[in-house]
C-alpha atoms as a PDB file:
ATOM      1  CA  MET A   1       0.080  -0.037  -0.077  1.00  0.00           C
ATOM      2  CA  LEU A   2       2.637   2.528   0.920  1.00  0.00           C
ATOM      3  CA  GLU A   3       4.628   1.483  -2.087  1.00  0.00           C
ATOM      4  CA  ILE A   4       1.759   2.677  -4.129  1.00  0.00           C
ATOM      5  CA  THR A   5       1.210   5.933  -2.249  1.00  0.00           C
ATOM      6  CA  ILE A   6       4.916   6.635  -3.062  1.00  0.00           C
ATOM      7  CA  ALA A   7       4.490   5.723  -6.752  1.00  0.00           C
ATOM      8  CA  ILE A   8       1.401   8.164  -6.852  1.00  0.00           C
ATOM      9  CA  LEU A   9       3.696  11.074  -5.029  1.00  0.00           C
ATOM     10  CA  ASP A  10       6.305  10.612  -7.497  1.00  0.00           C
ATOM     11  CA  GLY A  11       4.363  12.365 -10.137  1.00  0.00           C
ATOM     12  CA  LEU A  12       3.400  15.530  -8.121  1.00  0.00           C
ATOM     13  CA  PRO A  13       5.385  18.323  -9.081  1.00  0.00           C
ATOM     14  CA  ASP A  14       5.630  19.815  -5.391  1.00  0.00           C
ATOM     15  CA  PRO A  15       7.799  18.035  -2.782  1.00  0.00           C
ATOM     16  CA  VAL A  16       6.075  15.828  -0.621  1.00  0.00           C
ATOM     17  CA  LEU A  17       7.271  13.991   2.641  1.00  0.00           C
ATOM     18  CA  LEU A  18       5.280  11.364   4.572  1.00  0.00           C
ATOM     19  CA  VAL A  19       6.316  11.317   8.628  1.00  0.00           C
ATOM     20  CA  ASN A  20       5.888   8.982  11.328  1.00  0.00           C
ATOM     21  CA  SER A  21       4.925   9.959  14.963  1.00  0.00           C
ATOM     22  CA  ARG A  22       8.445  10.052  15.796  1.00  0.00           C
ATOM     23  CA  ARG A  23       8.944  12.653  13.048  1.00  0.00           C
ATOM     24  CA  ALA A  24      11.236  10.267  11.058  1.00  0.00           C
ATOM     25  CA  VAL A  25      10.559  10.606   7.437  1.00  0.00           C
ATOM     26  CA  VAL A  26       8.937   7.157   5.983  1.00  0.00           C
ATOM     27  CA  ALA A  27       8.761   8.218   2.318  1.00  0.00           C
ATOM     28  CA  ALA A  28       9.696  11.318  -0.076  1.00  0.00           C
ATOM     29  CA  ASN A  29       8.574  11.612  -3.290  1.00  0.00           C
ATOM     30  CA  ARG A  30      11.070  12.549  -6.456  1.00  0.00           C
ATOM     31  CA  ALA A  31      10.512  16.626  -6.153  1.00  0.00           C
ATOM     32  CA  ALA A  32      11.778  16.268  -2.460  1.00  0.00           C
ATOM     33  CA  ARG A  33      14.222  14.119  -3.192  1.00  0.00           C
ATOM     34  CA  GLU A  34      15.829  16.308  -5.609  1.00  0.00           C
ATOM     35  CA  LEU A  35      15.175  19.197  -3.256  1.00  0.00           C
ATOM     36  CA  PHE A  36      16.894  18.004  -0.266  1.00  0.00           C
ATOM     37  CA  VAL A  37      20.716  17.095  -0.611  1.00  0.00           C
ATOM     38  CA  ALA A  38      20.806  15.207   2.647  1.00  0.00           C
ATOM     39  CA  PRO A  39      19.558  11.320   2.958  1.00  0.00           C
ATOM     40  CA  MET A  40      15.870  11.934   4.416  1.00  0.00           C
ATOM     41  CA  VAL A  41      13.950   8.217   4.618  1.00  0.00           C
ATOM     42  CA  GLY A  42      14.601   6.785   8.015  1.00  0.00           C
ATOM     43  CA  ASN A  43      16.060   9.857   9.401  1.00  0.00           C
ATOM     44  CA  ASP A  44      14.741  12.517  11.429  1.00  0.00           C
ATOM     45  CA  LEU A  45      12.978  15.458   9.549  1.00  0.00           C
ATOM     46  CA  ALA A  46      15.455  17.882  10.933  1.00  0.00           C
ATOM     47  CA  VAL A  47      18.567  16.133   9.202  1.00  0.00           C
ATOM     48  CA  ALA A  48      16.988  17.404   5.945  1.00  0.00           C
ATOM     49  CA  LEU A  49      14.830  20.709   7.048  1.00  0.00           C
ATOM     50  CA  ARG A  50      16.903  22.508   9.801  1.00  0.00           C
ATOM     51  CA  HIS A  51      13.692  25.178  10.268  1.00  0.00           C
ATOM     52  CA  PRO A  52      12.474  25.714  13.524  1.00  0.00           C
ATOM     53  CA  ALA A  53       8.924  26.943  12.329  1.00  0.00           C
ATOM     54  CA  ALA A  54       8.679  23.973   9.925  1.00  0.00           C
ATOM     55  CA  LEU A  55       9.841  21.433  12.618  1.00  0.00           C
ATOM     56  CA  GLU A  56       7.182  23.281  14.981  1.00  0.00           C
ATOM     57  CA  ALA A  57       4.404  22.767  12.595  1.00  0.00           C
ATOM     58  CA  VAL A  58       4.959  19.205  11.642  1.00  0.00           C
ATOM     59  CA  ASP A  59       5.526  18.485  15.504  1.00  0.00           C
ATOM     60  CA  ALA A  60       1.966  19.964  16.275  1.00  0.00           C
ATOM     61  CA  VAL A  61       0.598  17.727  13.611  1.00  0.00           C
ATOM     62  CA  VAL A  62       2.265  14.577  15.039  1.00  0.00           C
ATOM     63  CA  ARG A  63       0.720  15.452  18.349  1.00  0.00           C
ATOM     64  CA  GLY A  64      -2.638  15.796  17.113  1.00  0.00           C
ATOM     65  CA  ALA A  65      -3.390  19.006  15.397  1.00  0.00           C
ATOM     66  CA  THR A  66      -5.059  18.616  12.034  1.00  0.00           C
ATOM     67  CA  VAL A  67      -3.116  21.124  10.031  1.00  0.00           C
ATOM     68  CA  ARG A  68      -0.456  23.568  10.318  1.00  0.00           C
ATOM     69  CA  GLU A  69       1.214  25.885   7.720  1.00  0.00           C
ATOM     70  CA  ALA A  70       4.712  27.693   7.992  1.00  0.00           C
ATOM     71  CA  GLU A  71       6.509  29.697   5.477  1.00  0.00           C
ATOM     72  CA  VAL A  72      10.185  28.602   5.152  1.00  0.00           C
ATOM     73  CA  THR A  73      13.438  29.946   3.505  1.00  0.00           C
ATOM     74  CA  LEU A  74      15.923  27.110   2.592  1.00  0.00           C
ATOM     75  CA  PRO A  75      19.787  27.868   2.588  1.00  0.00           C
ATOM     76  CA  ALA A  76      20.294  27.295  -1.161  1.00  0.00           C
ATOM     77  CA  PRO A  77      21.418  29.373  -4.000  1.00  0.00           C
ATOM     78  CA  GLY A  78      18.618  32.051  -4.736  1.00  0.00           C
ATOM     79  CA  SER A  79      17.260  31.729  -1.421  1.00  0.00           C
ATOM     80  CA  PRO A  80      13.900  29.530  -2.161  1.00  0.00           C
ATOM     81  CA  SER A  81      10.962  29.989  -0.269  1.00  0.00           C
ATOM     82  CA  TYR A  82       8.473  27.544   0.243  1.00  0.00           C
ATOM     83  CA  ARG A  83       5.001  27.540   2.018  1.00  0.00           C
ATOM     84  CA  LEU A  84       4.943  24.028   4.185  1.00  0.00           C
ATOM     85  CA  ILE A  85       1.680  22.610   4.938  1.00  0.00           C
ATOM     86  CA  ALA A  86       1.618  19.549   7.478  1.00  0.00           C
ATOM     87  CA  ALA A  87      -1.658  17.632   7.587  1.00  0.00           C
ATOM     88  CA  ALA A  88      -2.708  14.638   9.511  1.00  0.00           C
ATOM     89  CA  VAL A  89      -2.936  11.364   8.456  1.00  0.00           C
ATOM     90  CA  ARG A  90      -5.901   9.627  10.127  1.00  0.00           C
ATOM     91  CA  GLY A  91      -7.766   6.414  10.294  1.00  0.00           C
ATOM     92  CA  ASP A  92      -4.558   4.218  10.109  1.00  0.00           C
ATOM     93  CA  GLU A  93      -3.693   4.308  14.131  1.00  0.00           C
ATOM     94  CA  GLY A  94      -3.501   0.687  14.253  1.00  0.00           C
ATOM     95  CA  ARG A  95      -0.714   0.294  11.922  1.00  0.00           C
ATOM     96  CA  GLY A  96       2.382   0.996  13.923  1.00  0.00           C
ATOM     97  CA  ALA A  97       4.583   3.499  15.034  1.00  0.00           C
ATOM     98  CA  ASP A  98       6.360   3.511  11.483  1.00  0.00           C
ATOM     99  CA  TRP A  99       3.036   4.254   9.214  1.00  0.00           C
ATOM    100  CA  PRO A 100       2.961   7.990   8.160  1.00  0.00           C
ATOM    101  CA  ALA A 101       1.079  10.440  10.954  1.00  0.00           C
ATOM    102  CA  ALA A 102       1.718  13.366   8.699  1.00  0.00           C
ATOM    103  CA  VAL A 103       1.778  14.608   4.993  1.00  0.00           C
ATOM    104  CA  VAL A 104       4.030  17.158   4.494  1.00  0.00           C
ATOM    105  CA  THR A 105       3.657  19.392   1.220  1.00  0.00           C
ATOM    106  CA  LEU A 106       6.189  22.260   0.153  1.00  0.00           C
ATOM    107  CA  GLN A 107       4.641  24.946  -2.384  1.00  0.00           C
ATOM    108  CA  ASP A 108       7.211  26.915  -4.134  1.00  0.00           C
ATOM    109  CA  LEU A 109       6.625  30.628  -3.294  1.00  0.00           C
ATOM    110  CA  THR A 110       9.944  31.699  -4.677  1.00  0.00           C
ATOM    111  CA  ALA A 111       8.866  33.398  -7.858  1.00  0.00           C
ATOM    112  CA  ALA A 112       6.216  35.302  -6.153  1.00  0.00           C
ATOM    113  CA  ARG A 113       8.250  36.562  -3.456  1.00  0.00           C
ATOM    114  CA  LEU A 114      11.084  37.512  -5.956  1.00  0.00           C
ATOM    115  CA  THR A 115       8.219  39.158  -8.050  1.00  0.00           C
ATOM    116  CA  GLU A 116       7.160  41.153  -5.064  1.00  0.00           C
ATOM    117  CA  ARG A 117      10.649  42.174  -4.178  1.00  0.00           C
ATOM    118  CA  MET A 118      11.274  42.700  -7.874  1.00  0.00           C
ATOM    119  CA  ARG A 119       8.538  45.304  -8.127  1.00  0.00           C
ATOM    120  CA  ALA A 120       9.671  47.110  -4.747  1.00  0.00           C
ATOM    121  CA  ASP A 121      13.079  47.241  -5.768  1.00  0.00           C
ATOM    122  CA  PHE A 122      12.406  48.359  -9.015  1.00  0.00           C
ATOM    123  CA  ILE A 123      10.167  51.312  -8.155  1.00  0.00           C
ATOM    124  CA  ALA A 124      12.712  52.451  -5.441  1.00  0.00           C
ATOM    125  CA  ASN A 125      15.746  52.201  -7.536  1.00  0.00           C
ATOM    126  CA  ALA A 126      13.721  53.661 -10.472  1.00  0.00           C
ATOM    127  CA  SER A 127      12.530  56.729  -8.638  1.00  0.00           C
ATOM    128  CA  HIS A 128      16.467  57.405  -7.140  1.00  0.00           C
ATOM    129  CA  GLU A 129      18.236  56.852 -10.103  1.00  0.00           C
ATOM    130  CA  LEU A 130      15.671  58.601 -12.751  1.00  0.00           C
ATOM    131  CA  ARG A 131      15.223  61.481 -10.827  1.00  0.00           C
ATOM    132  CA  SER A 132      18.598  63.444 -11.861  1.00  0.00           C
ATOM    133  CA  PRO A 133      18.321  62.746 -15.532  1.00  0.00           C
ATOM    134  CA  LEU A 134      14.457  63.560 -15.570  1.00  0.00           C
ATOM    135  CA  ALA A 135      15.363  66.814 -13.730  1.00  0.00           C
ATOM    136  CA  SER A 136      17.842  67.663 -16.070  1.00  0.00           C
ATOM    137  CA  LEU A 137      15.380  67.030 -19.336  1.00  0.00           C
ATOM    138  CA  VAL A 138      12.727  69.235 -17.654  1.00  0.00           C
ATOM    139  CA  GLY A 139      15.192  72.037 -17.078  1.00  0.00           C
ATOM    140  CA  PHE A 140      16.667  71.896 -20.720  1.00  0.00           C
ATOM    141  CA  ILE A 141      12.924  71.385 -22.068  1.00  0.00           C
ATOM    142  CA  GLU A 142      11.793  74.530 -20.168  1.00  0.00           C
ATOM    143  CA  THR A 143      14.980  76.584 -21.511  1.00  0.00           C
ATOM    144  CA  LEU A 144      14.217  75.741 -25.121  1.00  0.00           C
ATOM    145  CA  LYS A 145      10.772  76.724 -24.887  1.00  0.00           C
ATOM    146  CA  GLY A 146      11.693  79.958 -23.000  1.00  0.00           C
ATOM    147  CA  PRO A 147      15.088  81.717 -23.171  1.00  0.00           C
ATOM    148  CA  ALA A 148      16.727  79.749 -25.570  1.00  0.00           C
ATOM    149  CA  LYS A 149      13.912  79.083 -28.014  1.00  0.00           C
ATOM    150  CA  GLU A 150      15.590  81.189 -30.939  1.00  0.00           C
ATOM    151  CA  ASP A 151      19.043  80.219 -30.033  1.00  0.00           C
ATOM    152  CA  ALA A 152      20.219  77.739 -32.475  1.00  0.00           C
ATOM    153  CA  GLU A 153      23.606  77.115 -30.915  1.00  0.00           C
ATOM    154  CA  ALA A 154      21.964  76.387 -27.481  1.00  0.00           C
ATOM    155  CA  ARG A 155      19.260  74.203 -28.850  1.00  0.00           C
ATOM    156  CA  GLU A 156      21.808  71.946 -30.573  1.00  0.00           C
ATOM    157  CA  ARG A 157      23.942  71.984 -27.524  1.00  0.00           C
ATOM    158  CA  PHE A 158      20.797  71.328 -24.907  1.00  0.00           C
ATOM    159  CA  LEU A 159      19.382  68.387 -27.473  1.00  0.00           C
ATOM    160  CA  ASP A 160      22.794  66.690 -27.569  1.00  0.00           C
ATOM    161  CA  ILE A 161      22.808  66.769 -23.717  1.00  0.00           C
ATOM    162  CA  MET A 162      19.023  65.337 -23.668  1.00  0.00           C
ATOM    163  CA  HIS A 163      19.942  62.927 -26.080  1.00  0.00           C
ATOM    164  CA  THR A 164      22.667  61.803 -23.560  1.00  0.00           C
ATOM    165  CA  GLU A 165      20.369  61.580 -20.448  1.00  0.00           C
ATOM    166  CA  ALA A 166      17.601  59.954 -22.045  1.00  0.00           C
ATOM    167  CA  THR A 167      19.834  57.154 -23.310  1.00  0.00           C
ATOM    168  CA  ARG A 168      21.132  56.429 -19.912  1.00  0.00           C
ATOM    169  CA  MET A 169      17.641  56.342 -18.787  1.00  0.00           C
ATOM    170  CA  ALA A 170      16.909  53.572 -21.202  1.00  0.00           C
ATOM    171  CA  ARG A 171      20.153  51.900 -20.458  1.00  0.00           C
ATOM    172  CA  LEU A 172      19.313  51.967 -16.599  1.00  0.00           C
ATOM    173  CA  ILE A 173      15.661  50.440 -16.991  1.00  0.00           C
ATOM    174  CA  ASP A 174      17.026  47.644 -19.437  1.00  0.00           C
ATOM    175  CA  ASP A 175      19.744  46.846 -16.499  1.00  0.00           C
ATOM    176  CA  LEU A 176      17.078  46.718 -13.642  1.00  0.00           C
ATOM    177  CA  LEU A 177      14.684  44.775 -15.616  1.00  0.00           C
ATOM    178  CA  SER A 178      17.750  42.272 -16.557  1.00  0.00           C
ATOM    179  CA  LEU A 179      18.806  42.180 -13.143  1.00  0.00           C
ATOM    180  CA  SER A 180      15.449  41.267 -11.999  1.00  0.00           C
ATOM    181  CA  ARG A 181      14.888  38.702 -14.364  1.00  0.00           C
ATOM    182  CA  VAL A 182      18.254  37.201 -13.353  1.00  0.00           C
ATOM    183  CA  GLU A 183      17.395  37.166  -9.758  1.00  0.00           C
ATOM    184  CA  ILE A 184      14.192  35.364 -10.488  1.00  0.00           C
ATOM    185  CA  GLU A 185      15.961  32.785 -12.458  1.00  0.00           C
ATOM    186  CA  GLU A 186      18.991  32.408 -10.173  1.00  0.00           C
ATOM    187  CA  ARG A 187      17.703  29.447  -8.293  1.00  0.00           C
ATOM    188  CA  VAL A 188      17.336  27.174 -11.503  1.00  0.00           C
ATOM    189  CA  PRO A 189      21.049  26.515 -12.827  1.00  0.00           C
ATOM    190  CA  PRO A 190      21.496  25.819 -16.417  1.00  0.00           C
ATOM    191  CA  ARG A 191      22.105  22.460 -17.590  1.00  0.00           C
ATOM    192  CA  ASP A 192      23.438  23.055 -21.200  1.00  0.00           C
ATOM    193  CA  ALA A 193      26.905  22.578 -22.650  1.00  0.00           C
ATOM    194  CA  VAL A 194      27.924  25.896 -23.804  1.00  0.00           C
ATOM    195  CA  ASP A 195      31.424  26.489 -25.635  1.00  0.00           C
ATOM    196  CA  LEU A 196      32.448  29.574 -23.373  1.00  0.00           C
ATOM    197  CA  ALA A 197      35.423  30.246 -25.558  1.00  0.00           C
ATOM    198  CA  GLY A 198      33.005  30.944 -28.716  1.00  0.00           C
ATOM    199  CA  VAL A 199      30.970  32.922 -26.489  1.00  0.00           C
ATOM    200  CA  ILE A 200      33.823  35.380 -25.656  1.00  0.00           C
ATOM    201  CA  ARG A 201      35.112  35.245 -29.130  1.00  0.00           C
ATOM    202  CA  GLY A 202      31.725  36.853 -30.277  1.00  0.00           C
ATOM    203  CA  THR A 203      31.724  39.266 -27.403  1.00  0.00           C
ATOM    204  CA  ILE A 204      35.056  40.722 -28.456  1.00  0.00           C
ATOM    205  CA  ASP A 205      34.077  40.863 -31.870  1.00  0.00           C
ATOM    206  CA  LEU A 206      31.122  42.867 -30.843  1.00  0.00           C
ATOM    207  CA  LEU A 207      33.084  45.299 -28.681  1.00  0.00           C
ATOM    208  CA  SER A 208      35.990  45.594 -31.236  1.00  0.00           C
ATOM    209  CA  MET A 209      34.450  49.021 -32.203  1.00  0.00           C
ATOM    210  CA  ARG A 210      34.223  50.255 -28.854  1.00  0.00           C
ATOM    211  CA  ALA A 211      37.815  49.275 -28.042  1.00  0.00           C
ATOM    212  CA  ALA A 212      39.032  50.888 -31.285  1.00  0.00           C
ATOM    213  CA  GLU A 213      37.286  54.368 -30.212  1.00  0.00           C
ATOM    214  CA  ARG A 214      39.559  54.454 -27.106  1.00  0.00           C
ATOM    215  CA  ASN A 215      42.554  52.689 -28.897  1.00  0.00           C
ATOM    216  CA  VAL A 216      42.562  49.782 -26.895  1.00  0.00           C
ATOM    217  CA  ALA A 217      43.716  46.194 -27.990  1.00  0.00           C
ATOM    218  CA  LEU A 218      41.496  43.382 -27.149  1.00  0.00           C
ATOM    219  CA  GLU A 219      43.596  40.148 -26.903  1.00  0.00           C
ATOM    220  CA  LEU A 220      42.351  36.695 -26.354  1.00  0.00           C
ATOM    221  CA  ASP A 221      44.319  33.965 -24.655  1.00  0.00           C
ATOM    222  CA  CYS A 222      42.494  30.369 -25.227  1.00  0.00           C
ATOM    223  CA  PRO A 223      44.384  27.184 -25.487  1.00  0.00           C
ATOM    224  CA  ALA A 224      43.075  24.350 -27.367  1.00  0.00           C
ATOM    225  CA  GLY A 225      41.190  21.905 -25.134  1.00  0.00           C
ATOM    226  CA  VAL A 226      39.311  24.301 -22.810  1.00  0.00           C
ATOM    227  CA  PRO A 227      36.028  21.935 -21.664  1.00  0.00           C
ATOM    228  CA  SER A 228      32.397  23.304 -22.242  1.00  0.00           C
ATOM    229  CA  VAL A 229      30.664  24.738 -19.440  1.00  0.00           C
ATOM    230  CA  LEU A 230      27.212  24.014 -17.901  1.00  0.00           C
ATOM    231  CA  GLY A 231      25.631  27.320 -18.675  1.00  0.00           C
ATOM    232  CA  ASP A 232      23.361  29.579 -20.425  1.00  0.00           C
ATOM    233  CA  ALA A 233      24.843  31.237 -23.515  1.00  0.00           C
ATOM    234  CA  ASP A 234      23.096  34.239 -23.571  1.00  0.00           C
ATOM    235  CA  GLN A 235      23.744  34.957 -19.726  1.00  0.00           C
ATOM    236  CA  LEU A 236      27.255  34.342 -20.266  1.00  0.00           C
ATOM    237  CA  ALA A 237      27.700  36.645 -22.952  1.00  0.00           C
ATOM    238  CA  GLN A 238      25.761  39.318 -20.847  1.00  0.00           C
ATOM    239  CA  VAL A 239      28.440  38.788 -18.328  1.00  0.00           C
ATOM    240  CA  PHE A 240      31.445  38.921 -20.498  1.00  0.00           C
ATOM    241  CA  ARG A 241      30.186  41.871 -22.291  1.00  0.00           C
ATOM    242  CA  ASN A 242      29.816  43.781 -18.786  1.00  0.00           C
ATOM    243  CA  LEU A 243      33.230  42.823 -18.052  1.00  0.00           C
ATOM    244  CA  ILE A 244      34.904  43.369 -21.216  1.00  0.00           C
ATOM    245  CA  GLU A 245      33.039  46.670 -21.487  1.00  0.00           C
ATOM    246  CA  ASN A 246      34.190  47.834 -18.166  1.00  0.00           C
ATOM    247  CA  ALA A 247      37.728  47.048 -18.917  1.00  0.00           C
ATOM    248  CA  ILE A 248      37.613  48.952 -22.033  1.00  0.00           C
ATOM    249  CA  ARG A 249      35.875  52.059 -20.041  1.00  0.00           C
ATOM    250  CA  TYR A 250      38.073  52.169 -17.036  1.00  0.00           C
ATOM    251  CA  GLY A 251      41.215  50.807 -18.541  1.00  0.00           C
ATOM    252  CA  ARG A 252      44.086  52.825 -20.234  1.00  0.00           C
ATOM    253  CA  ALA A 253      43.084  54.708 -23.397  1.00  0.00           C
ATOM    254  CA  GLY A 254      46.011  53.218 -25.861  1.00  0.00           C
ATOM    255  CA  GLY A 255      46.354  50.256 -23.489  1.00  0.00           C
ATOM    256  CA  ARG A 256      45.177  46.659 -23.768  1.00  0.00           C
ATOM    257  CA  VAL A 257      42.457  44.369 -22.490  1.00  0.00           C
ATOM    258  CA  ALA A 258      43.601  40.742 -21.957  1.00  0.00           C
ATOM    259  CA  VAL A 259      41.092  38.048 -21.753  1.00  0.00           C
ATOM    260  CA  SER A 260      42.163  34.600 -21.179  1.00  0.00           C
ATOM    261  CA  LEU A 261      40.762  31.087 -20.636  1.00  0.00           C
ATOM    262  CA  ARG A 262      41.835  28.062 -18.890  1.00  0.00           C
ATOM    263  CA  ALA A 263      40.622  24.875 -17.368  1.00  0.00           C
ATOM    264  CA  VAL A 264      40.989  24.301 -13.671  1.00  0.00           C
ATOM    265  CA  GLU A 265      40.710  21.249 -11.696  1.00  0.00           C
ATOM    266  CA  ARG A 266      39.070  22.515  -9.077  1.00  0.00           C
ATOM    267  CA  ILE A 267      36.885  25.879  -8.532  1.00  0.00           C
ATOM    268  CA  PRO A 268      37.773  27.821  -5.570  1.00  0.00           C
ATOM    269  CA  GLU A 269      35.395  27.106  -2.618  1.00  0.00           C
ATOM    270  CA  ARG A 270      33.337  24.426  -4.825  1.00  0.00           C
ATOM    271  CA  GLY A 271      35.876  22.100  -5.494  1.00  0.00           C
ATOM    272  CA  VAL A 272      34.534  20.888  -8.935  1.00  0.00           C
ATOM    273  CA  PRO A 273      36.376  21.168 -12.278  1.00  0.00           C
ATOM    274  CA  GLY A 274      35.424  24.224 -14.506  1.00  0.00           C
ATOM    275  CA  VAL A 275      36.830  26.852 -16.786  1.00  0.00           C
ATOM    276  CA  ALA A 276      38.529  30.230 -15.388  1.00  0.00           C
ATOM    277  CA  ALA A 277      37.955  33.080 -17.800  1.00  0.00           C
ATOM    278  CA  SER A 278      39.865  36.167 -16.763  1.00  0.00           C
ATOM    279  CA  VAL A 279      39.421  40.150 -18.126  1.00  0.00           C
ATOM    280  CA  ALA A 280      42.316  42.640 -17.229  1.00  0.00           C
ATOM    281  CA  ASP A 281      42.742  45.949 -18.024  1.00  0.00           C
ATOM    282  CA  GLU A 282      45.702  48.549 -17.585  1.00  0.00           C
ATOM    283  CA  GLY A 283      43.781  51.132 -15.484  1.00  0.00           C
ATOM    284  CA  GLU A 284      43.860  53.224 -12.207  1.00  0.00           C
ATOM    285  CA  GLY A 285      42.787  50.176 -10.390  1.00  0.00           C
ATOM    286  CA  ILE A 286      40.573  49.814  -7.400  1.00  0.00           C
ATOM    287  CA  PRO A 287      41.006  51.132  -3.988  1.00  0.00           C
ATOM    288  CA  PRO A 288      40.964  47.917  -1.656  1.00  0.00           C
ATOM    289  CA  ASP A 289      38.303  49.293   0.686  1.00  0.00           C
ATOM    290  CA  ALA A 290      36.067  49.608  -2.521  1.00  0.00           C
ATOM    291  CA  LEU A 291      36.538  46.018  -3.689  1.00  0.00           C
ATOM    292  CA  PRO A 292      33.954  44.302  -1.372  1.00  0.00           C
ATOM    293  CA  ARG A 293      31.381  46.581  -2.603  1.00  0.00           C
ATOM    294  CA  LEU A 294      31.930  46.452  -6.127  1.00  0.00           C
ATOM    295  CA  THR A 295      28.938  43.931  -6.854  1.00  0.00           C
ATOM    296  CA  GLU A 296      26.340  46.062  -4.924  1.00  0.00           C
ATOM    297  CA  ARG A 297      23.580  47.825  -6.872  1.00  0.00           C
ATOM    298  CA  PHE A 298      24.437  51.267  -7.540  1.00  0.00           C
ATOM    299  CA  PHE A 299      27.925  51.193  -6.121  1.00  0.00           C
ATOM    300  CA  ARG A 300      30.496  53.271  -7.912  1.00  0.00           C
ATOM    301  CA  VAL A 301      33.974  53.967  -6.853  1.00  0.00           C
ATOM    302  CA  ASP A 302      33.766  57.421  -8.654  1.00  0.00           C
ATOM    303  CA  LYS A 303      30.211  58.289  -9.077  1.00  0.00           C
ATOM    304  CA  ALA A 304      31.087  61.224 -11.245  1.00  0.00           C
ATOM    305  CA  ARG A 305      33.237  59.577 -13.587  1.00  0.00           C
ATOM    306  CA  SER A 306      31.052  56.311 -13.669  1.00  0.00           C
ATOM    307  CA  LYS A 307      28.070  58.349 -14.829  1.00  0.00           C
ATOM    308  CA  ALA A 308      30.045  60.550 -17.294  1.00  0.00           C
ATOM    309  CA  LEU A 309      31.104  57.219 -18.681  1.00  0.00           C
ATOM    310  CA  GLY A 310      27.637  55.954 -19.118  1.00  0.00           C
ATOM    311  CA  SER A 311      27.612  53.457 -16.220  1.00  0.00           C
ATOM    312  CA  THR A 312      24.292  52.442 -14.531  1.00  0.00           C
ATOM    313  CA  GLY A 313      26.079  51.049 -11.511  1.00  0.00           C
ATOM    314  CA  LEU A 314      24.193  47.613 -12.282  1.00  0.00           C
ATOM    315  CA  GLY A 315      26.815  45.786 -14.483  1.00  0.00           C
ATOM    316  CA  LEU A 316      28.379  43.830 -11.795  1.00  0.00           C
ATOM    317  CA  ALA A 317      25.522  43.252  -9.795  1.00  0.00           C
ATOM    318  CA  ILE A 318      24.175  41.678 -13.062  1.00  0.00           C
ATOM    319  CA  VAL A 319      27.360  39.694 -13.371  1.00  0.00           C
ATOM    320  CA  LYS A 320      26.994  38.213  -9.485  1.00  0.00           C
ATOM    321  CA  HIS A 321      23.773  37.045  -9.917  1.00  0.00           C
ATOM    322  CA  ILE A 322      24.309  35.080 -13.039  1.00  0.00           C
ATOM    323  CA  VAL A 323      27.726  33.668 -11.972  1.00  0.00           C
ATOM    324  CA  GLY A 324      25.649  32.591  -8.931  1.00  0.00           C
ATOM    325  CA  ARG A 325      23.021  30.992 -11.004  1.00  0.00           C
ATOM    326  CA  HIS A 326      25.713  29.031 -12.701  1.00  0.00           C
ATOM    327  CA  ARG A 327      27.066  27.829  -9.435  1.00  0.00           C
ATOM    328  CA  GLY A 328      30.317  29.592 -10.186  1.00  0.00           C
ATOM    329  CA  ARG A 329      32.555  32.026  -8.522  1.00  0.00           C
ATOM    330  CA  LEU A 330      33.479  35.573  -9.073  1.00  0.00           C
ATOM    331  CA  ALA A 331      37.019  36.881  -8.211  1.00  0.00           C
ATOM    332  CA  ILE A 332      38.595  40.452  -8.497  1.00  0.00           C
ATOM    333  CA  GLU A 333      41.736  41.518  -7.931  1.00  0.00           C
ATOM    334  CA  SER A 334      43.189  44.966  -8.269  1.00  0.00           C
ATOM    335  CA  LYS A 335      46.349  47.127  -7.869  1.00  0.00           C
ATOM    336  CA  LEU A 336      46.273  50.792  -7.718  1.00  0.00           C
ATOM    337  CA  GLY A 337      47.933  52.346 -10.707  1.00  0.00           C
ATOM    338  CA  GLN A 338      48.381  48.963 -12.451  1.00  0.00           C
ATOM    339  CA  GLY A 339      44.904  47.796 -13.466  1.00  0.00           C
ATOM    340  CA  SER A 340      42.389  44.990 -12.202  1.00  0.00           C
ATOM    341  CA  ARG A 341      41.513  41.483 -13.157  1.00  0.00           C
ATOM    342  CA  PHE A 342      38.017  39.914 -12.811  1.00  0.00           C
ATOM    343  CA  THR A 343      37.884  36.144 -13.064  1.00  0.00           C
ATOM    344  CA  VAL A 344      34.880  34.271 -13.437  1.00  0.00           C
ATOM    345  CA  PHE A 345      34.970  30.295 -12.627  1.00  0.00           C
ATOM    346  CA  ILE A 346      32.037  28.253 -14.299  1.00  0.00           C
ATOM    347  CA  PRO A 347      31.765  24.495 -13.689  1.00  0.00           C
ATOM    348  CA  ALA A 348      32.531  22.326 -16.579  1.00  0.00           C
ATOM    349  CA  ALA A 349      30.332  20.201 -18.713  1.00  0.00           C
ATOM    350  CA  SER A 350      30.625  16.496 -17.972  1.00  0.00           C
ATOM    351  CA  PRO A 351      31.740  14.923 -21.314  1.00  0.00           C
ATOM    352  CA  ARG A 352      29.250  12.893 -22.855  1.00  0.00           C
END
């Protein structure tokens, strides 16, 4: 009977656990086994689910309550949130202590919570960051309608500034939306094999004209045999576009940007094989006290210079979240007066 029940539960998309009167897991469906890394069946629920509110809800049902609910956040990439519903199993009291006393269901709330946060963050960030360029646009429009109405020289100058400000606002909105999408997807790791070297070559080709404008040489060092990675090709292209654009923007005019790839046996702090891709510039470098904050939203080492160069302050935050989704790692090194190096570690795809 229990085996039939488990087979049925395996077809459900939500994680489901059956718990006995001692709070030990009697059975777990496929979704639950994929969610929890720790072994569950035969062990106390607390081995896999170390969350006080969740355990209190299950304990209450095991002791006689009909149903209890709790919202839990799991310590996993993307901080997934779930509504836990513990419901009593009645009518089988005579089957012994190992028979299920409660059924525990976890309903995924992550997307809904991220959407709520995305909406709140978007409103807060957009209102703050758009206030200045909007004020500039309104001021120039009023001037063009008034004192400078017949001044052709002023009109051309003001229109150029207005175009720059409007472009910056559009780029800011694009980056905010991109960051929100990445955050929603972060808990689901990509599973496709991607030729990272090919992605980076395409990105370098795309940015070659921008590099030529600053007389910056783009160099690529990619030895043969670099393995494919587990990834999302579009998001990885976005990572290296941001990093290489920053290197061109903040590097020394007339200098070089060196991009290199190499296979690594173990990704730092992960212990799995992967690929390390580095982007190094010859710019002014970053102060040591600013390095830990570089991936914060809207953090800029030099606000005036960054805005003048068209930075939205979101590029490295996007990079951090995409690398997090890929279960990789971002390392940043910099020396004042010598330049900076950004290294992205991405797990390698298993050979077929």
